[in-house]
Amino acid sequence: MTRRSGRTGAADSRCPSCRAPILRQLVEVLTVTADLTPLTPAEQEQARGPNRLIWCLTQRPHSPPRLRWITAWHPTACPHPHVADHQCPGPTRQAPLF
């Protein structure tokens, strides 16, 4: 069995356009691309919208990070970081070398 490069959801995955650290994962029927920057509760409220979801990022010692739905029964004192769907701002601009 071989592992497909770039599809493991490893924490070192990056957006090909803006190079932000991301996690790509199939969650039930959705293919999710999430930022790896944890959000405070206030940032979660600000980021949440009709086309942007917030995810619970569980991390266990012997398995890769996993995204979980945040539903009505999600504990308010959840010990795991919460992250948002990635919204790419586009390529980062670099200063010309000359």
PDB file of N, CA and C in Angstrom:
ATOM      1  N   MET A   1       0.850  -1.171   0.000  1.00  0.00           N
ATOM      2  CA  MET A   1       0.000   0.000   0.000  1.00  0.00           C
ATOM      3  C   MET A   1       0.895   1.233   0.000  1.00  0.00           C
ATOM      4  N   THR A   2       0.640   2.163  -0.878  1.00  0.00           N
ATOM      5  CA  THR A   2       1.453   3.374  -0.955  1.00  0.00           C
ATOM      6  C   THR A   2       0.627   4.575  -0.523  1.00  0.00           C
ATOM      7  N   ARG A   3       1.305   5.545  -0.002  1.00  0.00           N
ATOM      8  CA  ARG A   3       0.656   6.778   0.435  1.00  0.00           C
ATOM      9  C   ARG A   3       0.763   7.801  -0.684  1.00  0.00           C
ATOM     10  N   ARG A   4      -0.367   8.444  -1.005  1.00  0.00           N
ATOM     11  CA  ARG A   4      -0.373   9.442  -2.075  1.00  0.00           C
ATOM     12  C   ARG A   4       0.119  10.775  -1.523  1.00  0.00           C
ATOM     13  N   SER A   5       1.141  11.290  -2.118  1.00  0.00           N
ATOM     14  CA  SER A   5       1.734  12.543  -1.690  1.00  0.00           C
ATOM     15  C   SER A   5       0.736  13.695  -1.819  1.00  0.00           C
ATOM     16  N   GLY A   6       0.691  14.553  -0.791  1.00  0.00           N
ATOM     17  CA  GLY A   6      -0.151  15.744  -0.827  1.00  0.00           C
ATOM     18  C   GLY A   6      -1.605  15.502  -0.486  1.00  0.00           C
ATOM     19  N   ARG A   7      -2.023  14.272  -0.251  1.00  0.00           N
ATOM     20  CA  ARG A   7      -3.424  13.991   0.034  1.00  0.00           C
ATOM     21  C   ARG A   7      -3.621  13.381   1.413  1.00  0.00           C
ATOM     22  N   THR A   8      -2.610  13.408   2.232  1.00  0.00           N
ATOM     23  CA  THR A   8      -2.699  12.768   3.534  1.00  0.00           C
ATOM     24  C   THR A   8      -3.346  13.663   4.573  1.00  0.00           C
ATOM     25  N   GLY A   9      -3.456  14.967   4.305  1.00  0.00           N
ATOM     26  CA  GLY A   9      -4.007  15.880   5.292  1.00  0.00           C
ATOM     27  C   GLY A   9      -2.992  16.255   6.343  1.00  0.00           C
ATOM     28  N   ALA A  10      -1.732  16.040   6.060  1.00  0.00           N
ATOM     29  CA  ALA A  10      -0.690  16.351   7.025  1.00  0.00           C
ATOM     30  C   ALA A  10      -0.636  17.846   7.280  1.00  0.00           C
ATOM     31  N   ALA A  11      -0.172  18.213   8.461  1.00  0.00           N
ATOM     32  CA  ALA A  11      -0.133  19.609   8.863  1.00  0.00           C
ATOM     33  C   ALA A  11       0.793  20.441   7.992  1.00  0.00           C
ATOM     34  N   ASP A  12       1.684  19.796   7.223  1.00  0.00           N
ATOM     35  CA  ASP A  12       2.592  20.564   6.380  1.00  0.00           C
ATOM     36  C   ASP A  12       2.040  20.807   4.984  1.00  0.00           C
ATOM     37  N   SER A  13       0.767  20.475   4.739  1.00  0.00           N
ATOM     38  CA  SER A  13       0.144  20.780   3.454  1.00  0.00           C
ATOM     39  C   SER A  13      -0.042  22.287   3.337  1.00  0.00           C
ATOM     40  N   ARG A  14       0.109  22.794   2.138  1.00  0.00           N
ATOM     41  CA  ARG A  14      -0.026  24.240   1.918  1.00  0.00           C
ATOM     42  C   ARG A  14      -0.940  24.508   0.734  1.00  0.00           C
ATOM     43  N   CYS A  15      -1.637  25.630   0.788  1.00  0.00           N
ATOM     44  CA  CYS A  15      -2.459  26.064  -0.331  1.00  0.00           C
ATOM     45  C   CYS A  15      -1.525  26.347  -1.502  1.00  0.00           C
ATOM     46  N   PRO A  16      -1.819  25.806  -2.690  1.00  0.00           N
ATOM     47  CA  PRO A  16      -0.922  26.027  -3.825  1.00  0.00           C
ATOM     48  C   PRO A  16      -0.871  27.484  -4.280  1.00  0.00           C
ATOM     49  N   SER A  17      -1.874  28.271  -3.947  1.00  0.00           N
ATOM     50  CA  SER A  17      -1.912  29.657  -4.397  1.00  0.00           C
ATOM     51  C   SER A  17      -1.299  30.628  -3.386  1.00  0.00           C
ATOM     52  N   CYS A  18      -1.791  30.587  -2.128  1.00  0.00           N
ATOM     53  CA  CYS A  18      -1.328  31.562  -1.131  1.00  0.00           C
ATOM     54  C   CYS A  18      -0.309  30.987  -0.150  1.00  0.00           C
ATOM     55  N   ARG A  19      -0.068  29.662  -0.205  1.00  0.00           N
ATOM     56  CA  ARG A  19       0.912  28.966   0.629  1.00  0.00           C
ATOM     57  C   ARG A  19       0.549  28.929   2.114  1.00  0.00           C
ATOM     58  N   ALA A  20      -0.702  29.196   2.455  1.00  0.00           N
ATOM     59  CA  ALA A  20      -1.150  29.104   3.850  1.00  0.00           C
ATOM     60  C   ALA A  20      -1.218  27.635   4.265  1.00  0.00           C
ATOM     61  N   PRO A  21      -0.909  27.310   5.528  1.00  0.00           N
ATOM     62  CA  PRO A  21      -1.029  25.923   5.972  1.00  0.00           C
ATOM     63  C   PRO A  21      -2.497  25.504   5.999  1.00  0.00           C
ATOM     64  N   ILE A  22      -2.802  24.367   5.385  1.00  0.00           N
ATOM     65  CA  ILE A  22      -4.184  23.893   5.288  1.00  0.00           C
ATOM     66  C   ILE A  22      -4.256  22.400   5.588  1.00  0.00           C
ATOM     67  N   LEU A  23      -5.469  21.944   5.801  1.00  0.00           N
ATOM     68  CA  LEU A  23      -5.751  20.527   5.981  1.00  0.00           C
ATOM     69  C   LEU A  23      -6.874  20.176   5.029  1.00  0.00           C
ATOM     70  N   ARG A  24      -6.641  19.203   4.127  1.00  0.00           N
ATOM     71  CA  ARG A  24      -7.682  18.736   3.206  1.00  0.00           C
ATOM     72  C   ARG A  24      -8.144  17.381   3.677  1.00  0.00           C
ATOM     73  N   GLN A  25      -9.475  17.224   3.745  1.00  0.00           N
ATOM     74  CA  GLN A  25     -10.001  15.986   4.285  1.00  0.00           C
ATOM     75  C   GLN A  25     -11.440  15.768   3.832  1.00  0.00           C
ATOM     76  N   LEU A  26     -11.815  14.527   3.662  1.00  0.00           N
ATOM     77  CA  LEU A  26     -13.195  14.172   3.370  1.00  0.00           C
ATOM     78  C   LEU A  26     -13.914  14.011   4.707  1.00  0.00           C
ATOM     79  N   VAL A  27     -14.941  14.826   4.945  1.00  0.00           N
ATOM     80  CA  VAL A  27     -15.746  14.754   6.164  1.00  0.00           C
ATOM     81  C   VAL A  27     -17.160  14.410   5.720  1.00  0.00           C
ATOM     82  N   GLU A  28     -17.563  13.186   6.008  1.00  0.00           N
ATOM     83  CA  GLU A  28     -18.834  12.634   5.552  1.00  0.00           C
ATOM     84  C   GLU A  28     -18.924  12.761   4.036  1.00  0.00           C
ATOM     85  N   VAL A  29     -19.687  13.712   3.485  1.00  0.00           N
ATOM     86  CA  VAL A  29     -19.810  13.833   2.028  1.00  0.00           C
ATOM     87  C   VAL A  29     -19.136  15.083   1.480  1.00  0.00           C
ATOM     88  N   LEU A  30     -18.482  15.863   2.332  1.00  0.00           N
ATOM     89  CA  LEU A  30     -17.835  17.098   1.904  1.00  0.00           C
ATOM     90  C   LEU A  30     -16.321  16.934   1.835  1.00  0.00           C
ATOM     91  N   THR A  31     -15.727  17.453   0.791  1.00  0.00           N
ATOM     92  CA  THR A  31     -14.276  17.567   0.759  1.00  0.00           C
ATOM     93  C   THR A  31     -13.958  18.938   1.328  1.00  0.00           C
ATOM     94  N   VAL A  32     -13.301  18.942   2.485  1.00  0.00           N
ATOM     95  CA  VAL A  32     -13.065  20.173   3.239  1.00  0.00           C
ATOM     96  C   VAL A  32     -11.611  20.588   3.100  1.00  0.00           C
ATOM     97  N   THR A  33     -11.404  21.879   2.875  1.00  0.00           N
ATOM     98  CA  THR A  33     -10.080  22.484   2.934  1.00  0.00           C
ATOM     99  C   THR A  33     -10.161  23.534   4.025  1.00  0.00           C
ATOM    100  N   ALA A  34      -9.456  23.285   5.124  1.00  0.00           N
ATOM    101  CA  ALA A  34      -9.546  24.169   6.290  1.00  0.00           C
ATOM    102  C   ALA A  34      -8.195  24.791   6.605  1.00  0.00           C
ATOM    103  N   ASP A  35      -8.237  26.020   7.108  1.00  0.00           N
ATOM    104  CA  ASP A  35      -7.034  26.677   7.608  1.00  0.00           C
ATOM    105  C   ASP A  35      -6.590  25.954   8.870  1.00  0.00           C
ATOM    106  N   LEU A  36      -5.318  26.034   9.186  1.00  0.00           N
ATOM    107  CA  LEU A  36      -4.818  25.421  10.412  1.00  0.00           C
ATOM    108  C   LEU A  36      -4.585  26.432  11.526  1.00  0.00           C
ATOM    109  N   THR A  37      -5.017  27.668  11.321  1.00  0.00           N
ATOM    110  CA  THR A  37      -4.889  28.687  12.349  1.00  0.00           C
ATOM    111  C   THR A  37      -6.078  28.594  13.291  1.00  0.00           C
ATOM    112  N   PRO A  38      -5.849  28.286  14.587  1.00  0.00           N
ATOM    113  CA  PRO A  38      -6.962  28.199  15.538  1.00  0.00           C
ATOM    114  C   PRO A  38      -7.649  29.554  15.708  1.00  0.00           C
ATOM    115  N   LEU A  39      -8.965  29.511  15.903  1.00  0.00           N
ATOM    116  CA  LEU A  39      -9.762  30.727  16.069  1.00  0.00           C
ATOM    117  C   LEU A  39     -10.274  30.848  17.502  1.00  0.00           C
ATOM    118  N   THR A  40     -10.319  32.074  17.999  1.00  0.00           N
ATOM    119  CA  THR A  40     -10.957  32.341  19.287  1.00  0.00           C
ATOM    120  C   THR A  40     -12.469  32.291  19.069  1.00  0.00           C
ATOM    121  N   PRO A  41     -13.277  32.196  20.132  1.00  0.00           N
ATOM    122  CA  PRO A  41     -14.735  32.216  19.946  1.00  0.00           C
ATOM    123  C   PRO A  41     -15.229  33.458  19.188  1.00  0.00           C
ATOM    124  N   ALA A  42     -14.638  34.615  19.457  1.00  0.00           N
ATOM    125  CA  ALA A  42     -15.049  35.837  18.748  1.00  0.00           C
ATOM    126  C   ALA A  42     -14.696  35.747  17.263  1.00  0.00           C
ATOM    127  N   GLU A  43     -13.517  35.213  16.948  1.00  0.00           N
ATOM    128  CA  GLU A  43     -13.117  35.058  15.545  1.00  0.00           C
ATOM    129  C   GLU A  43     -13.996  34.035  14.829  1.00  0.00           C
ATOM    130  N   GLN A  44     -14.450  33.001  15.564  1.00  0.00           N
ATOM    131  CA  GLN A  44     -15.351  32.014  14.975  1.00  0.00           C
ATOM    132  C   GLN A  44     -16.655  32.661  14.558  1.00  0.00           C
ATOM    133  N   GLU A  45     -17.218  33.493  15.414  1.00  0.00           N
ATOM    134  CA  GLU A  45     -18.473  34.188  15.089  1.00  0.00           C
ATOM    135  C   GLU A  45     -18.288  35.100  13.890  1.00  0.00           C
ATOM    136  N   GLN A  46     -17.151  35.768  13.826  1.00  0.00           N
ATOM    137  CA  GLN A  46     -16.884  36.694  12.724  1.00  0.00           C
ATOM    138  C   GLN A  46     -16.674  35.934  11.407  1.00  0.00           C
ATOM    139  N   ALA A  47     -16.032  34.776  11.456  1.00  0.00           N
ATOM    140  CA  ALA A  47     -15.723  34.011  10.251  1.00  0.00           C
ATOM    141  C   ALA A  47     -16.915  33.206   9.742  1.00  0.00           C
ATOM    142  N   ARG A  48     -17.807  32.802  10.642  1.00  0.00           N
ATOM    143  CA  ARG A  48     -18.929  31.934  10.267  1.00  0.00           C
ATOM    144  C   ARG A  48     -19.865  32.678   9.314  1.00  0.00           C
ATOM    145  N   GLY A  49     -20.333  31.964   8.308  1.00  0.00           N
ATOM    146  CA  GLY A  49     -21.245  32.556   7.336  1.00  0.00           C
ATOM    147  C   GLY A  49     -21.975  31.464   6.587  1.00  0.00           C
ATOM    148  N   PRO A  50     -22.836  31.840   5.632  1.00  0.00           N
ATOM    149  CA  PRO A  50     -23.599  30.825   4.903  1.00  0.00           C
ATOM    150  C   PRO A  50     -22.714  29.902   4.070  1.00  0.00           C
ATOM    151  N   ASN A  51     -21.553  30.359   3.656  1.00  0.00           N
ATOM    152  CA  ASN A  51     -20.671  29.538   2.827  1.00  0.00           C
ATOM    153  C   ASN A  51     -19.342  29.247   3.504  1.00  0.00           C
ATOM    154  N   ARG A  52     -19.288  29.404   4.817  1.00  0.00           N
ATOM    155  CA  ARG A  52     -18.048  29.135   5.547  1.00  0.00           C
ATOM    156  C   ARG A  52     -18.380  28.448   6.861  1.00  0.00           C
ATOM    157  N   LEU A  53     -17.818  27.268   7.053  1.00  0.00           N
ATOM    158  CA  LEU A  53     -18.078  26.484   8.249  1.00  0.00           C
ATOM    159  C   LEU A  53     -16.888  26.525   9.193  1.00  0.00           C
ATOM    160  N   ILE A  54     -17.153  26.257  10.470  1.00  0.00           N
ATOM    161  CA  ILE A  54     -16.123  26.148  11.488  1.00  0.00           C
ATOM    162  C   ILE A  54     -16.019  24.667  11.854  1.00  0.00           C
ATOM    163  N   TRP A  55     -14.802  24.186  12.033  1.00  0.00           N
ATOM    164  CA  TRP A  55     -14.548  22.774  12.299  1.00  0.00           C
ATOM    165  C   TRP A  55     -13.783  22.591  13.598  1.00  0.00           C
ATOM    166  N   CYS A  56     -14.008  21.467  14.255  1.00  0.00           N
ATOM    167  CA  CYS A  56     -13.261  21.071  15.446  1.00  0.00           C
ATOM    168  C   CYS A  56     -12.089  20.218  14.950  1.00  0.00           C
ATOM    169  N   LEU A  57     -10.877  20.597  15.310  1.00  0.00           N
ATOM    170  CA  LEU A  57      -9.680  19.900  14.852  1.00  0.00           C
ATOM    171  C   LEU A  57      -9.151  19.019  15.983  1.00  0.00           C
ATOM    172  N   THR A  58      -9.444  17.735  15.907  1.00  0.00           N
ATOM    173  CA  THR A  58      -8.979  16.807  16.941  1.00  0.00           C
ATOM    174  C   THR A  58      -7.607  16.278  16.572  1.00  0.00           C
ATOM    175  N   GLN A  59      -6.761  16.175  17.573  1.00  0.00           N
ATOM    176  CA  GLN A  59      -5.415  15.668  17.358  1.00  0.00           C
ATOM    177  C   GLN A  59      -5.104  14.654  18.445  1.00  0.00           C
ATOM    178  N   ARG A  60      -4.754  13.453  18.013  1.00  0.00           N
ATOM    179  CA  ARG A  60      -4.393  12.385  18.939  1.00  0.00           C
ATOM    180  C   ARG A  60      -2.939  12.013  18.693  1.00  0.00           C
ATOM    181  N   PRO A  61      -2.261  11.460  19.697  1.00  0.00           N
ATOM    182  CA  PRO A  61      -0.821  11.201  19.562  1.00  0.00           C
ATOM    183  C   PRO A  61      -0.424  10.280  18.414  1.00  0.00           C
ATOM    184  N   HIS A  62      -1.222   9.264  18.100  1.00  0.00           N
ATOM    185  CA  HIS A  62      -0.799   8.275  17.115  1.00  0.00           C
ATOM    186  C   HIS A  62      -1.654   8.266  15.852  1.00  0.00           C
ATOM    187  N   SER A  63      -2.301   9.372  15.556  1.00  0.00           N
ATOM    188  CA  SER A  63      -3.093   9.455  14.337  1.00  0.00           C
ATOM    189  C   SER A  63      -3.018  10.869  13.786  1.00  0.00           C
ATOM    190  N   PRO A  64      -3.297  11.034  12.490  1.00  0.00           N
ATOM    191  CA  PRO A  64      -3.239  12.378  11.903  1.00  0.00           C
ATOM    192  C   PRO A  64      -4.380  13.254  12.424  1.00  0.00           C
ATOM    193  N   PRO A  65      -4.245  14.575  12.299  1.00  0.00           N
ATOM    194  CA  PRO A  65      -5.324  15.475  12.721  1.00  0.00           C
ATOM    195  C   PRO A  65      -6.602  15.176  11.945  1.00  0.00           C
ATOM    196  N   ARG A  66      -7.748  15.319  12.605  1.00  0.00           N
ATOM    197  CA  ARG A  66      -9.048  15.042  11.979  1.00  0.00           C
ATOM    198  C   ARG A  66      -9.991  16.214  12.211  1.00  0.00           C
ATOM    199  N   LEU A  67     -10.741  16.556  11.158  1.00  0.00           N
ATOM    200  CA  LEU A  67     -11.770  17.586  11.258  1.00  0.00           C
ATOM    201  C   LEU A  67     -13.083  16.924  11.651  1.00  0.00           C
ATOM    202  N   ARG A  68     -13.825  17.559  12.557  1.00  0.00           N
ATOM    203  CA  ARG A  68     -15.146  17.067  12.945  1.00  0.00           C
ATOM    204  C   ARG A  68     -16.153  18.204  12.822  1.00  0.00           C
ATOM    205  N   TRP A  69     -17.391  17.821  12.480  1.00  0.00           N
ATOM    206  CA  TRP A  69     -18.481  18.793  12.417  1.00  0.00           C
ATOM    207  C   TRP A  69     -18.670  19.441  13.785  1.00  0.00           C
ATOM    208  N   ILE A  70     -18.981  20.711  13.797  1.00  0.00           N
ATOM    209  CA  ILE A  70     -19.432  21.362  15.031  1.00  0.00           C
ATOM    210  C   ILE A  70     -20.936  21.455  14.899  1.00  0.00           C
ATOM    211  N   THR A  71     -21.625  20.700  15.735  1.00  0.00           N
ATOM    212  CA  THR A  71     -23.081  20.640  15.683  1.00  0.00           C
ATOM    213  C   THR A  71     -23.669  21.202  16.966  1.00  0.00           C
ATOM    214  N   ALA A  72     -24.978  21.136  17.080  1.00  0.00           N
ATOM    215  CA  ALA A  72     -25.677  21.678  18.255  1.00  0.00           C
ATOM    216  C   ALA A  72     -25.215  21.013  19.545  1.00  0.00           C
ATOM    217  N   TRP A  73     -24.787  19.754  19.506  1.00  0.00           N
ATOM    218  CA  TRP A  73     -24.371  19.066  20.719  1.00  0.00           C
ATOM    219  C   TRP A  73     -22.886  19.203  21.022  1.00  0.00           C
ATOM    220  N   HIS A  74     -22.171  19.989  20.259  1.00  0.00           N
ATOM    221  CA  HIS A  74     -20.730  20.174  20.481  1.00  0.00           C
ATOM    222  C   HIS A  74     -20.511  20.874  21.828  1.00  0.00           C
ATOM    223  N   PRO A  75     -19.622  20.351  22.686  1.00  0.00           N
ATOM    224  CA  PRO A  75     -19.430  20.961  24.008  1.00  0.00           C
ATOM    225  C   PRO A  75     -18.881  22.383  23.924  1.00  0.00           C
ATOM    226  N   THR A  76     -19.399  23.250  24.745  1.00  0.00           N
ATOM    227  CA  THR A  76     -18.936  24.648  24.737  1.00  0.00           C
ATOM    228  C   THR A  76     -17.513  24.760  25.278  1.00  0.00           C
ATOM    229  N   ALA A  77     -17.109  23.847  26.135  1.00  0.00           N
ATOM    230  CA  ALA A  77     -15.752  23.856  26.691  1.00  0.00           C
ATOM    231  C   ALA A  77     -14.871  22.839  25.967  1.00  0.00           C
ATOM    232  N   CYS A  78     -14.989  22.757  24.675  1.00  0.00           N
ATOM    233  CA  CYS A  78     -14.220  21.799  23.870  1.00  0.00           C
ATOM    234  C   CYS A  78     -12.720  22.114  24.001  1.00  0.00           C
ATOM    235  N   PRO A  79     -11.883  21.106  24.301  1.00  0.00           N
ATOM    236  CA  PRO A  79     -10.448  21.363  24.466  1.00  0.00           C
ATOM    237  C   PRO A  79      -9.676  21.452  23.146  1.00  0.00           C
ATOM    238  N   HIS A  80     -10.325  21.131  22.031  1.00  0.00           N
ATOM    239  CA  HIS A  80      -9.646  21.113  20.737  1.00  0.00           C
ATOM    240  C   HIS A  80      -9.727  22.485  20.054  1.00  0.00           C
ATOM    241  N   PRO A  81      -8.738  22.807  19.203  1.00  0.00           N
ATOM    242  CA  PRO A  81      -8.813  24.063  18.455  1.00  0.00           C
ATOM    243  C   PRO A  81      -9.926  23.993  17.410  1.00  0.00           C
ATOM    244  N   HIS A  82     -10.489  25.150  17.100  1.00  0.00           N
ATOM    245  CA  HIS A  82     -11.509  25.258  16.064  1.00  0.00           C
ATOM    246  C   HIS A  82     -10.930  26.075  14.916  1.00  0.00           C
ATOM    247  N   VAL A  83     -11.169  25.604  13.696  1.00  0.00           N
ATOM    248  CA  VAL A  83     -10.620  26.237  12.496  1.00  0.00           C
ATOM    249  C   VAL A  83     -11.742  26.470  11.489  1.00  0.00           C
ATOM    250  N   ALA A  84     -11.496  27.339  10.517  1.00  0.00           N
ATOM    251  CA  ALA A  84     -12.509  27.687   9.512  1.00  0.00           C
ATOM    252  C   ALA A  84     -12.117  27.133   8.145  1.00  0.00           C
ATOM    253  N   ASP A  85     -13.120  27.028   7.257  1.00  0.00           N
ATOM    254  CA  ASP A  85     -12.860  26.698   5.852  1.00  0.00           C
ATOM    255  C   ASP A  85     -11.851  27.701   5.310  1.00  0.00           C
ATOM    256  N   HIS A  86     -10.978  27.227   4.452  1.00  0.00           N
ATOM    257  CA  HIS A  86      -9.966  28.105   3.853  1.00  0.00           C
ATOM    258  C   HIS A  86     -10.606  28.957   2.766  1.00  0.00           C
ATOM    259  N   GLN A  87     -10.401  30.254   2.837  1.00  0.00           N
ATOM    260  CA  GLN A  87     -10.809  31.174   1.778  1.00  0.00           C
ATOM    261  C   GLN A  87      -9.545  31.830   1.266  1.00  0.00           C
ATOM    262  N   CYS A  88      -9.092  31.370   0.131  1.00  0.00           N
ATOM    263  CA  CYS A  88      -7.808  31.808  -0.415  1.00  0.00           C
ATOM    264  C   CYS A  88      -7.882  33.263  -0.881  1.00  0.00           C
ATOM    265  N   PRO A  89      -6.962  34.100  -0.384  1.00  0.00           N
ATOM    266  CA  PRO A  89      -6.915  35.492  -0.847  1.00  0.00           C
ATOM    267  C   PRO A  89      -6.210  35.626  -2.192  1.00  0.00           C
ATOM    268  N   GLY A  90      -5.684  34.547  -2.721  1.00  0.00           N
ATOM    269  CA  GLY A  90      -4.950  34.594  -3.977  1.00  0.00           C
ATOM    270  C   GLY A  90      -3.462  34.517  -3.717  1.00  0.00           C
ATOM    271  N   PRO A  91      -2.675  34.537  -4.762  1.00  0.00           N
ATOM    272  CA  PRO A  91      -1.226  34.420  -4.593  1.00  0.00           C
ATOM    273  C   PRO A  91      -0.657  35.581  -3.787  1.00  0.00           C
ATOM    274  N   THR A  92       0.315  35.255  -2.945  1.00  0.00           N
ATOM    275  CA  THR A  92       1.006  36.317  -2.214  1.00  0.00           C
ATOM    276  C   THR A  92       1.966  36.993  -3.174  1.00  0.00           C
ATOM    277  N   ARG A  93       2.028  38.283  -3.093  1.00  0.00           N
ATOM    278  CA  ARG A  93       2.896  39.039  -4.004  1.00  0.00           C
ATOM    279  C   ARG A  93       4.281  39.184  -3.394  1.00  0.00           C
ATOM    280  N   GLN A  94       5.263  38.996  -4.212  1.00  0.00           N
ATOM    281  CA  GLN A  94       6.642  39.163  -3.786  1.00  0.00           C
ATOM    282  C   GLN A  94       7.246  40.347  -4.506  1.00  0.00           C
ATOM    283  N   ALA A  95       8.150  41.029  -3.823  1.00  0.00           N
ATOM    284  CA  ALA A  95       8.820  42.174  -4.446  1.00  0.00           C
ATOM    285  C   ALA A  95       9.715  41.677  -5.574  1.00  0.00           C
ATOM    286  N   PRO A  96       9.807  42.421  -6.654  1.00  0.00           N
ATOM    287  CA  PRO A  96      10.690  42.006  -7.758  1.00  0.00           C
ATOM    288  C   PRO A  96      12.142  41.967  -7.288  1.00  0.00           C
ATOM    289  N   LEU A  97      12.916  41.074  -7.890  1.00  0.00           N
ATOM    290  CA  LEU A  97      14.306  40.895  -7.500  1.00  0.00           C
ATOM    291  C   LEU A  97      15.247  41.944  -8.106  1.00  0.00           C
ATOM    292  N   PHE A  98      14.781  42.732  -9.024  1.00  0.00           N
ATOM    293  CA  PHE A  98      15.641  43.740  -9.654  1.00  0.00           C
ATOM    294  C   PHE A  98      15.194  45.125  -9.340  1.00  0.00           C
TER     295      PHE A  98
END
